[in-house]
Amino acid sequence: MCAIQPFDHATLLATDTAQTSAAVSTTRCGDTCPIFPGKRYEDWQLNNPAGLELDAVHPIHNEIGSRIRDLITELT
């Protein structure tokens, strides 16, 4: 399980990482995300945690963890 760090922020998807991945999950980037042919894409519509108190971020964090576990189960 990951811990929430107060200064964590979103990072750009590295091309090398995407090309070697079975699936690409994005959050609300729509047409601005790069496209890697042949990859499974999921755009997760999650609440933006920016500016929220830590207690309000926990449900978002838990939702991400749940979706990751579900995706891993589907892919294996």
PDB file of N, CA and C in Angstrom:
ATOM      1  N   MET A   1       0.859  -1.182   0.000  1.00  0.00           N
ATOM      2  CA  MET A   1       0.000   0.000   0.000  1.00  0.00           C
ATOM      3  C   MET A   1       0.893   1.229   0.000  1.00  0.00           C
ATOM      4  N   CYS A   2       0.507   2.222  -0.751  1.00  0.00           N
ATOM      5  CA  CYS A   2       1.261   3.472  -0.836  1.00  0.00           C
ATOM      6  C   CYS A   2       0.841   4.414   0.275  1.00  0.00           C
ATOM      7  N   ALA A   3       1.751   5.255   0.664  1.00  0.00           N
ATOM      8  CA  ALA A   3       1.443   6.308   1.629  1.00  0.00           C
ATOM      9  C   ALA A   3       1.252   7.617   0.876  1.00  0.00           C
ATOM     10  N   ILE A   4       0.363   8.453   1.359  1.00  0.00           N
ATOM     11  CA  ILE A   4       0.160   9.759   0.740  1.00  0.00           C
ATOM     12  C   ILE A   4       1.198  10.713   1.296  1.00  0.00           C
ATOM     13  N   GLN A   5       1.942  11.317   0.427  1.00  0.00           N
ATOM     14  CA  GLN A   5       2.937  12.302   0.830  1.00  0.00           C
ATOM     15  C   GLN A   5       2.379  13.687   0.525  1.00  0.00           C
ATOM     16  N   PRO A   6       2.559  14.654   1.431  1.00  0.00           N
ATOM     17  CA  PRO A   6       1.917  15.954   1.261  1.00  0.00           C
ATOM     18  C   PRO A   6       2.347  16.730   0.025  1.00  0.00           C
ATOM     19  N   PHE A   7       3.515  16.452  -0.529  1.00  0.00           N
ATOM     20  CA  PHE A   7       3.984  17.222  -1.674  1.00  0.00           C
ATOM     21  C   PHE A   7       4.019  16.406  -2.959  1.00  0.00           C
ATOM     22  N   ASP A   8       3.393  15.246  -2.949  1.00  0.00           N
ATOM     23  CA  ASP A   8       3.326  14.444  -4.173  1.00  0.00           C
ATOM     24  C   ASP A   8       2.506  15.183  -5.222  1.00  0.00           C
ATOM     25  N   HIS A   9       2.834  14.945  -6.464  1.00  0.00           N
ATOM     26  CA  HIS A   9       2.100  15.557  -7.568  1.00  0.00           C
ATOM     27  C   HIS A   9       2.103  14.599  -8.751  1.00  0.00           C
ATOM     28  N   ALA A  10       1.228  14.870  -9.679  1.00  0.00           N
ATOM     29  CA  ALA A  10       1.141  14.025 -10.871  1.00  0.00           C
ATOM     30  C   ALA A  10       2.427  14.125 -11.675  1.00  0.00           C
ATOM     31  N   THR A  11       2.772  13.037 -12.319  1.00  0.00           N
ATOM     32  CA  THR A  11       3.957  13.032 -13.177  1.00  0.00           C
ATOM     33  C   THR A  11       3.540  12.657 -14.590  1.00  0.00           C
ATOM     34  N   LEU A  12       4.313  13.108 -15.536  1.00  0.00           N
ATOM     35  CA  LEU A  12       4.043  12.776 -16.928  1.00  0.00           C
ATOM     36  C   LEU A  12       4.388  11.319 -17.194  1.00  0.00           C
ATOM     37  N   LEU A  13       3.632  10.712 -18.057  1.00  0.00           N
ATOM     38  CA  LEU A  13       3.866   9.324 -18.434  1.00  0.00           C
ATOM     39  C   LEU A  13       5.078   9.250 -19.350  1.00  0.00           C
ATOM     40  N   ALA A  14       6.064   8.496 -18.940  1.00  0.00           N
ATOM     41  CA  ALA A  14       7.273   8.328 -19.753  1.00  0.00           C
ATOM     42  C   ALA A  14       6.965   7.402 -20.927  1.00  0.00           C
ATOM     43  N   THR A  15       7.453   7.760 -22.081  1.00  0.00           N
ATOM     44  CA  THR A  15       7.226   6.964 -23.290  1.00  0.00           C
ATOM     45  C   THR A  15       7.705   5.533 -23.103  1.00  0.00           C
ATOM     46  N   ASP A  16       8.890   5.348 -22.519  1.00  0.00           N
ATOM     47  CA  ASP A  16       9.423   3.998 -22.297  1.00  0.00           C
ATOM     48  C   ASP A  16       8.487   3.175 -21.424  1.00  0.00           C
ATOM     49  N   THR A  17       7.953   3.799 -20.382  1.00  0.00           N
ATOM     50  CA  THR A  17       7.046   3.098 -19.478  1.00  0.00           C
ATOM     51  C   THR A  17       5.775   2.687 -20.208  1.00  0.00           C
ATOM     52  N   ALA A  18       5.196   3.596 -20.953  1.00  0.00           N
ATOM     53  CA  ALA A  18       3.950   3.303 -21.673  1.00  0.00           C
ATOM     54  C   ALA A  18       4.141   2.206 -22.707  1.00  0.00           C
ATOM     55  N   GLN A  19       5.253   2.239 -23.407  1.00  0.00           N
ATOM     56  CA  GLN A  19       5.479   1.258 -24.465  1.00  0.00           C
ATOM     57  C   GLN A  19       5.667  -0.154 -23.927  1.00  0.00           C
ATOM     58  N   THR A  20       6.092  -0.294 -22.691  1.00  0.00           N
ATOM     59  CA  THR A  20       6.296  -1.620 -22.113  1.00  0.00           C
ATOM     60  C   THR A  20       5.154  -2.033 -21.183  1.00  0.00           C
ATOM     61  N   SER A  21       4.100  -1.234 -21.121  1.00  0.00           N
ATOM     62  CA  SER A  21       2.970  -1.514 -20.236  1.00  0.00           C
ATOM     63  C   SER A  21       1.838  -2.200 -20.990  1.00  0.00           C
ATOM     64  N   ALA A  22       1.083  -3.010 -20.268  1.00  0.00           N
ATOM     65  CA  ALA A  22      -0.084  -3.666 -20.860  1.00  0.00           C
ATOM     66  C   ALA A  22      -1.269  -2.715 -20.930  1.00  0.00           C
ATOM     67  N   ALA A  23      -1.316  -1.749 -20.016  1.00  0.00           N
ATOM     68  CA  ALA A  23      -2.433  -0.812 -19.963  1.00  0.00           C
ATOM     69  C   ALA A  23      -1.929   0.552 -19.518  1.00  0.00           C
ATOM     70  N   VAL A  24      -2.652   1.581 -19.941  1.00  0.00           N
ATOM     71  CA  VAL A  24      -2.321   2.951 -19.564  1.00  0.00           C
ATOM     72  C   VAL A  24      -3.553   3.549 -18.898  1.00  0.00           C
ATOM     73  N   SER A  25      -3.392   4.014 -17.663  1.00  0.00           N
ATOM     74  CA  SER A  25      -4.482   4.665 -16.939  1.00  0.00           C
ATOM     75  C   SER A  25      -4.179   6.146 -16.847  1.00  0.00           C
ATOM     76  N   THR A  26      -5.163   6.956 -17.198  1.00  0.00           N
ATOM     77  CA  THR A  26      -5.011   8.402 -17.137  1.00  0.00           C
ATOM     78  C   THR A  26      -6.115   8.977 -16.260  1.00  0.00           C
ATOM     79  N   THR A  27      -5.959  10.221 -15.880  1.00  0.00           N
ATOM     80  CA  THR A  27      -6.980  10.886 -15.081  1.00  0.00           C
ATOM     81  C   THR A  27      -7.334  12.217 -15.710  1.00  0.00           C
ATOM     82  N   ARG A  28      -8.436  12.203 -16.420  1.00  0.00           N
ATOM     83  CA  ARG A  28      -9.028  13.422 -16.977  1.00  0.00           C
ATOM     84  C   ARG A  28      -8.144  14.197 -17.938  1.00  0.00           C
ATOM     85  N   CYS A  29      -7.321  13.528 -18.708  1.00  0.00           N
ATOM     86  CA  CYS A  29      -6.484  14.290 -19.641  1.00  0.00           C
ATOM     87  C   CYS A  29      -7.078  14.324 -21.036  1.00  0.00           C
ATOM     88  N   GLY A  30      -8.062  13.484 -21.300  1.00  0.00           N
ATOM     89  CA  GLY A  30      -8.750  13.523 -22.586  1.00  0.00           C
ATOM     90  C   GLY A  30      -7.812  13.445 -23.773  1.00  0.00           C
ATOM     91  N   ASP A  31      -7.977  14.360 -24.717  1.00  0.00           N
ATOM     92  CA  ASP A  31      -7.190  14.352 -25.948  1.00  0.00           C
ATOM     93  C   ASP A  31      -5.763  14.843 -25.765  1.00  0.00           C
ATOM     94  N   THR A  32      -5.422  15.355 -24.583  1.00  0.00           N
ATOM     95  CA  THR A  32      -4.067  15.871 -24.383  1.00  0.00           C
ATOM     96  C   THR A  32      -3.061  14.777 -24.060  1.00  0.00           C
ATOM     97  N   CYS A  33      -3.531  13.580 -23.743  1.00  0.00           N
ATOM     98  CA  CYS A  33      -2.622  12.475 -23.432  1.00  0.00           C
ATOM     99  C   CYS A  33      -2.048  11.888 -24.716  1.00  0.00           C
ATOM    100  N   PRO A  34      -0.788  11.478 -24.667  1.00  0.00           N
ATOM    101  CA  PRO A  34      -0.211  10.823 -25.845  1.00  0.00           C
ATOM    102  C   PRO A  34      -0.889   9.474 -26.086  1.00  0.00           C
ATOM    103  N   ILE A  35      -0.893   9.055 -27.331  1.00  0.00           N
ATOM    104  CA  ILE A  35      -1.494   7.774 -27.713  1.00  0.00           C
ATOM    105  C   ILE A  35      -0.378   6.797 -28.072  1.00  0.00           C
ATOM    106  N   PHE A  36      -0.444   5.617 -27.491  1.00  0.00           N
ATOM    107  CA  PHE A  36       0.507   4.554 -27.779  1.00  0.00           C
ATOM    108  C   PHE A  36      -0.289   3.409 -28.397  1.00  0.00           C
ATOM    109  N   PRO A  37      -0.175   3.201 -29.701  1.00  0.00           N
ATOM    110  CA  PRO A  37      -0.977   2.190 -30.395  1.00  0.00           C
ATOM    111  C   PRO A  37      -0.861   0.804 -29.755  1.00  0.00           C
ATOM    112  N   GLY A  38      -1.984   0.119 -29.712  1.00  0.00           N
ATOM    113  CA  GLY A  38      -2.016  -1.246 -29.208  1.00  0.00           C
ATOM    114  C   GLY A  38      -2.134  -1.366 -27.704  1.00  0.00           C
ATOM    115  N   LYS A  39      -2.264  -0.254 -27.001  1.00  0.00           N
ATOM    116  CA  LYS A  39      -2.369  -0.293 -25.542  1.00  0.00           C
ATOM    117  C   LYS A  39      -3.821  -0.184 -25.110  1.00  0.00           C
ATOM    118  N   ARG A  40      -4.126  -0.800 -24.000  1.00  0.00           N
ATOM    119  CA  ARG A  40      -5.443  -0.650 -23.379  1.00  0.00           C
ATOM    120  C   ARG A  40      -5.420   0.667 -22.599  1.00  0.00           C
ATOM    121  N   TYR A  41      -6.438   1.485 -22.799  1.00  0.00           N
ATOM    122  CA  TYR A  41      -6.524   2.775 -22.116  1.00  0.00           C
ATOM    123  C   TYR A  41      -7.719   2.818 -21.188  1.00  0.00           C
ATOM    124  N   GLU A  42      -7.520   3.430 -20.032  1.00  0.00           N
ATOM    125  CA  GLU A  42      -8.605   3.701 -19.103  1.00  0.00           C
ATOM    126  C   GLU A  42      -8.422   5.130 -18.619  1.00  0.00           C
ATOM    127  N   ASP A  43      -9.458   5.959 -18.779  1.00  0.00           N
ATOM    128  CA  ASP A  43      -9.415   7.321 -18.266  1.00  0.00           C
ATOM    129  C   ASP A  43     -10.263   7.356 -17.005  1.00  0.00           C
ATOM    130  N   TRP A  44      -9.605   7.394 -15.869  1.00  0.00           N
ATOM    131  CA  TRP A  44     -10.296   7.357 -14.586  1.00  0.00           C
ATOM    132  C   TRP A  44     -10.737   8.761 -14.204  1.00  0.00           C
ATOM    133  N   GLN A  45     -12.037   8.948 -14.071  1.00  0.00           N
ATOM    134  CA  GLN A  45     -12.609  10.236 -13.675  1.00  0.00           C
ATOM    135  C   GLN A  45     -12.587  10.330 -12.148  1.00  0.00           C
ATOM    136  N   LEU A  46     -11.500  10.860 -11.624  1.00  0.00           N
ATOM    137  CA  LEU A  46     -11.319  10.983 -10.180  1.00  0.00           C
ATOM    138  C   LEU A  46     -11.406  12.444  -9.768  1.00  0.00           C
ATOM    139  N   ASN A  47     -11.809  12.679  -8.530  1.00  0.00           N
ATOM    140  CA  ASN A  47     -11.802  14.039  -8.005  1.00  0.00           C
ATOM    141  C   ASN A  47     -10.373  14.541  -7.913  1.00  0.00           C
ATOM    142  N   ASN A  48     -10.179  15.810  -8.178  1.00  0.00           N
ATOM    143  CA  ASN A  48      -8.859  16.424  -8.089  1.00  0.00           C
ATOM    144  C   ASN A  48      -8.547  16.700  -6.621  1.00  0.00           C
ATOM    145  N   PRO A  49      -7.476  16.121  -6.079  1.00  0.00           N
ATOM    146  CA  PRO A  49      -7.161  16.315  -4.669  1.00  0.00           C
ATOM    147  C   PRO A  49      -6.464  17.639  -4.359  1.00  0.00           C
ATOM    148  N   ALA A  50      -6.154  18.425  -5.381  1.00  0.00           N
ATOM    149  CA  ALA A  50      -5.432  19.679  -5.159  1.00  0.00           C
ATOM    150  C   ALA A  50      -6.196  20.573  -4.185  1.00  0.00           C
ATOM    151  N   GLY A  51      -5.507  21.001  -3.162  1.00  0.00           N
ATOM    152  CA  GLY A  51      -6.073  21.924  -2.195  1.00  0.00           C
ATOM    153  C   GLY A  51      -6.948  21.296  -1.132  1.00  0.00           C
ATOM    154  N   LEU A  52      -7.160  19.991  -1.199  1.00  0.00           N
ATOM    155  CA  LEU A  52      -8.004  19.323  -0.209  1.00  0.00           C
ATOM    156  C   LEU A  52      -7.203  18.984   1.041  1.00  0.00           C
ATOM    157  N   GLU A  53      -7.900  18.929   2.154  1.00  0.00           N
ATOM    158  CA  GLU A  53      -7.294  18.456   3.398  1.00  0.00           C
ATOM    159  C   GLU A  53      -7.006  16.962   3.257  1.00  0.00           C
ATOM    160  N   LEU A  54      -6.037  16.482   4.025  1.00  0.00           N
ATOM    161  CA  LEU A  54      -5.618  15.088   3.927  1.00  0.00           C
ATOM    162  C   LEU A  54      -6.782  14.119   4.124  1.00  0.00           C
ATOM    163  N   ASP A  55      -7.684  14.414   5.062  1.00  0.00           N
ATOM    164  CA  ASP A  55      -8.829  13.528   5.294  1.00  0.00           C
ATOM    165  C   ASP A  55      -9.715  13.404   4.058  1.00  0.00           C
ATOM    166  N   ALA A  56      -9.778  14.449   3.247  1.00  0.00           N
ATOM    167  CA  ALA A  56     -10.590  14.414   2.035  1.00  0.00           C
ATOM    168  C   ALA A  56      -9.870  13.698   0.892  1.00  0.00           C
ATOM    169  N   VAL A  57      -8.547  13.587   1.000  1.00  0.00           N
ATOM    170  CA  VAL A  57      -7.757  12.926  -0.045  1.00  0.00           C
ATOM    171  C   VAL A  57      -7.774  11.405   0.126  1.00  0.00           C
ATOM    172  N   HIS A  58      -7.922  10.932   1.339  1.00  0.00           N
ATOM    173  CA  HIS A  58      -7.891   9.485   1.595  1.00  0.00           C
ATOM    174  C   HIS A  58      -8.877   8.691   0.738  1.00  0.00           C
ATOM    175  N   PRO A  59     -10.141   9.120   0.587  1.00  0.00           N
ATOM    176  CA  PRO A  59     -11.049   8.344  -0.273  1.00  0.00           C
ATOM    177  C   PRO A  59     -10.582   8.284  -1.729  1.00  0.00           C
ATOM    178  N   ILE A  60      -9.987   9.356  -2.217  1.00  0.00           N
ATOM    179  CA  ILE A  60      -9.466   9.365  -3.588  1.00  0.00           C
ATOM    180  C   ILE A  60      -8.308   8.380  -3.696  1.00  0.00           C
ATOM    181  N   HIS A  61      -7.426   8.415  -2.727  1.00  0.00           N
ATOM    182  CA  HIS A  61      -6.287   7.493  -2.671  1.00  0.00           C
ATOM    183  C   HIS A  61      -6.777   6.050  -2.642  1.00  0.00           C
ATOM    184  N   ASN A  62      -7.779   5.785  -1.824  1.00  0.00           N
ATOM    185  CA  ASN A  62      -8.317   4.427  -1.714  1.00  0.00           C
ATOM    186  C   ASN A  62      -8.972   3.978  -3.020  1.00  0.00           C
ATOM    187  N   GLU A  63      -9.654   4.896  -3.707  1.00  0.00           N
ATOM    188  CA  GLU A  63     -10.278   4.575  -4.996  1.00  0.00           C
ATOM    189  C   GLU A  63      -9.219   4.207  -6.031  1.00  0.00           C
ATOM    190  N   ILE A  64      -8.122   4.953  -6.056  1.00  0.00           N
ATOM    191  CA  ILE A  64      -7.031   4.644  -6.988  1.00  0.00           C
ATOM    192  C   ILE A  64      -6.475   3.257  -6.695  1.00  0.00           C
ATOM    193  N   GLY A  65      -6.231   2.973  -5.418  1.00  0.00           N
ATOM    194  CA  GLY A  65      -5.722   1.655  -5.038  1.00  0.00           C
ATOM    195  C   GLY A  65      -6.655   0.536  -5.455  1.00  0.00           C
ATOM    196  N   SER A  66      -7.949   0.739  -5.265  1.00  0.00           N
ATOM    197  CA  SER A  66      -8.944  -0.261  -5.646  1.00  0.00           C
ATOM    198  C   SER A  66      -8.951  -0.489  -7.155  1.00  0.00           C
ATOM    199  N   ARG A  67      -8.887   0.599  -7.911  1.00  0.00           N
ATOM    200  CA  ARG A  67      -8.882   0.469  -9.373  1.00  0.00           C
ATOM    201  C   ARG A  67      -7.615  -0.222  -9.871  1.00  0.00           C
ATOM    202  N   ILE A  68      -6.496   0.069  -9.241  1.00  0.00           N
ATOM    203  CA  ILE A  68      -5.241  -0.585  -9.624  1.00  0.00           C
ATOM    204  C   ILE A  68      -5.329  -2.084  -9.356  1.00  0.00           C
ATOM    205  N   ARG A  69      -5.829  -2.454  -8.185  1.00  0.00           N
ATOM    206  CA  ARG A  69      -5.967  -3.881  -7.865  1.00  0.00           C
ATOM    207  C   ARG A  69      -6.905  -4.575  -8.850  1.00  0.00           C
ATOM    208  N   ASP A  70      -8.022  -3.925  -9.181  1.00  0.00           N
ATOM    209  CA  ASP A  70      -8.962  -4.506 -10.149  1.00  0.00           C
ATOM    210  C   ASP A  70      -8.310  -4.674 -11.519  1.00  0.00           C
ATOM    211  N   LEU A  71      -7.550  -3.674 -11.943  1.00  0.00           N
ATOM    212  CA  LEU A  71      -6.887  -3.742 -13.247  1.00  0.00           C
ATOM    213  C   LEU A  71      -5.861  -4.875 -13.275  1.00  0.00           C
ATOM    214  N   ILE A  72      -5.098  -5.005 -12.212  1.00  0.00           N
ATOM    215  CA  ILE A  72      -4.112  -6.090 -12.135  1.00  0.00           C
ATOM    216  C   ILE A  72      -4.811  -7.446 -12.217  1.00  0.00           C
ATOM    217  N   THR A  73      -5.925  -7.582 -11.514  1.00  0.00           N
ATOM    218  CA  THR A  73      -6.685  -8.833 -11.555  1.00  0.00           C
ATOM    219  C   THR A  73      -7.168  -9.131 -12.968  1.00  0.00           C
ATOM    220  N   GLU A  74      -7.667  -8.112 -13.667  1.00  0.00           N
ATOM    221  CA  GLU A  74      -8.145  -8.309 -15.041  1.00  0.00           C
ATOM    222  C   GLU A  74      -7.017  -8.695 -15.991  1.00  0.00           C
ATOM    223  N   LEU A  75      -5.829  -8.159 -15.759  1.00  0.00           N
ATOM    224  CA  LEU A  75      -4.711  -8.384 -16.674  1.00  0.00           C
ATOM    225  C   LEU A  75      -3.972  -9.693 -16.417  1.00  0.00           C
ATOM    226  N   THR A  76      -4.195 -10.295 -15.256  1.00  0.00           N
ATOM    227  CA  THR A  76      -3.458 -11.529 -14.938  1.00  0.00           C
ATOM    228  C   THR A  76      -4.344 -12.748 -15.056  1.00  0.00           C
TER     229      THR A  76
END
